[in-house]
Amino acid sequence: MTITLNEENFQVTVQSKPVVLVQFTSDFCGPCQIMGHTLRKLGKEQSHILIAEVRSMDHTEWVEAFNIQSTPTTLLFHKGKYISRISGAHPKMTIEKWISEATT
């Protein structure tokens, strides 16, 4: 399950699981769709990971605040704190390694 973030649920969501991945996405973005599919699969397989999505066009203030240069960009929150980011579409194995390295 992917949660769509908004002002009301952002803080609660990033603190809701040990690892929360927040994908900044754009409409009609092929790599965004690929990355979204990979992240949803990862979230289903690993119960300690939550996947959340931000439509960049709907939250330009967050794009600026998080210095998002391109989509897809995925932010990693660990125990409620922003840790790291990756840009572009990546295979599941690369994402798992990124999470492991960032949270240990």
Protein backbone atom coordinates (compact mmCIF):
# COMPACT_ATOMS: atom_id res chain seq x y z
CA MET A 1 0.00 0.00 0.00
CA THR A 2 1.23 3.47 -0.88
CA ILE A 3 0.16 6.48 1.17
CA THR A 4 -0.29 9.83 -0.55
CA LEU A 5 1.20 12.49 1.70
CA ASN A 6 -0.42 15.79 2.54
CA GLU A 7 0.05 18.47 5.19
CA GLU A 8 -2.15 16.64 7.70
CA ASN A 9 -0.47 13.23 7.56
CA PHE A 10 3.18 13.96 6.71
CA GLN A 11 4.67 13.98 10.21
CA VAL A 12 2.63 11.01 11.46
CA THR A 13 3.44 9.01 8.33
CA VAL A 14 7.23 9.47 8.39
CA GLN A 15 7.21 8.32 12.03
CA SER A 16 4.81 5.40 11.56
CA LYS A 17 7.34 2.67 10.63
CA PRO A 18 11.09 2.23 11.17
CA VAL A 19 11.77 2.92 7.47
CA VAL A 20 9.60 5.25 5.38
CA LEU A 21 10.43 5.90 1.74
CA VAL A 22 8.90 9.09 0.32
CA GLN A 23 8.86 9.19 -3.46
CA PHE A 24 8.50 12.55 -5.18
CA THR A 25 6.78 11.82 -8.46
CA SER A 26 5.39 13.58 -11.51
CA ASP A 27 2.51 12.77 -13.81
CA PHE A 28 3.48 11.14 -17.10
CA CYS A 29 6.97 10.30 -15.77
CA GLY A 30 7.98 6.84 -16.96
CA PRO A 31 10.85 6.40 -14.48
CA CYS A 32 8.46 7.51 -11.68
CA GLN A 33 6.06 4.71 -12.59
CA ILE A 34 8.88 2.15 -12.70
CA MET A 35 10.29 3.28 -9.36
CA GLY A 36 6.80 3.38 -7.82
CA HIS A 37 6.17 -0.21 -8.87
CA THR A 38 9.52 -1.31 -7.41
CA LEU A 39 8.88 0.53 -4.13
CA ARG A 40 5.37 -0.93 -3.77
CA LYS A 41 6.78 -4.42 -4.28
CA LEU A 42 9.45 -3.76 -1.65
CA GLY A 43 6.86 -2.41 0.79
CA LYS A 44 4.73 -5.56 0.40
CA GLU A 45 7.72 -7.82 0.99
CA GLN A 46 9.16 -6.01 4.01
CA SER A 47 6.68 -5.10 6.74
CA HIS A 48 9.02 -2.60 8.45
CA ILE A 49 9.02 -0.38 5.33
CA LEU A 50 6.26 2.08 4.43
CA ILE A 51 6.01 3.67 1.00
CA ALA A 52 4.62 7.20 0.68
CA GLU A 53 4.19 9.37 -2.39
CA VAL A 54 4.26 13.10 -3.01
CA ARG A 55 2.95 14.48 -6.30
CA SER A 56 5.51 17.20 -6.96
CA MET A 57 3.05 19.49 -8.76
CA ASP A 58 0.72 19.43 -5.74
CA HIS A 59 3.43 20.25 -3.19
CA THR A 60 5.88 22.67 -4.73
CA GLU A 61 6.77 23.98 -1.27
CA TRP A 62 8.02 20.49 -0.32
CA VAL A 63 9.94 20.24 -3.60
CA GLU A 64 11.74 23.42 -2.61
CA ALA A 65 12.15 22.48 1.05
CA PHE A 66 13.69 19.09 0.20
CA ASN A 67 15.64 20.52 -2.76
CA ILE A 68 14.13 18.07 -5.25
CA GLN A 69 15.89 18.56 -8.59
CA SER A 70 14.20 15.81 -10.61
CA THR A 71 11.66 13.05 -10.35
CA PRO A 72 11.61 10.40 -9.23
CA THR A 73 13.51 11.29 -6.10
CA THR A 74 13.04 9.05 -3.09
CA LEU A 75 13.77 10.20 0.45
CA LEU A 76 14.59 7.76 3.23
CA PHE A 77 13.29 8.46 6.71
CA HIS A 78 14.57 6.22 9.51
CA LYS A 79 12.76 6.36 12.84
CA GLY A 80 11.14 9.64 11.78
CA LYS A 81 14.33 11.42 10.69
CA TYR A 82 15.42 12.23 7.16
CA ILE A 83 18.57 10.23 6.37
CA SER A 84 19.29 10.04 2.66
CA ARG A 85 17.96 10.26 -0.93
CA ILE A 86 18.29 8.65 -4.32
CA SER A 87 17.19 10.01 -7.67
CA GLY A 88 16.04 8.08 -10.69
CA ALA A 89 14.63 4.57 -11.04
CA HIS A 90 16.63 1.78 -9.43
CA PRO A 91 16.29 -2.00 -9.17
CA LYS A 92 14.97 -3.48 -5.93
CA MET A 93 18.37 -4.88 -4.97
CA THR A 94 19.97 -1.42 -5.20
CA ILE A 95 17.21 0.10 -3.07
CA GLU A 96 17.56 -2.64 -0.44
CA LYS A 97 21.32 -2.04 -0.26
CA TRP A 98 20.76 1.73 0.04
CA ILE A 99 18.31 1.22 2.92
CA SER A 100 20.61 -1.23 4.68
CA GLU A 101 23.64 1.05 4.44
CA ALA A 102 21.71 4.14 5.52
CA THR A 103 20.03 2.54 8.55
CA THR A 104 22.90 0.58 10.09
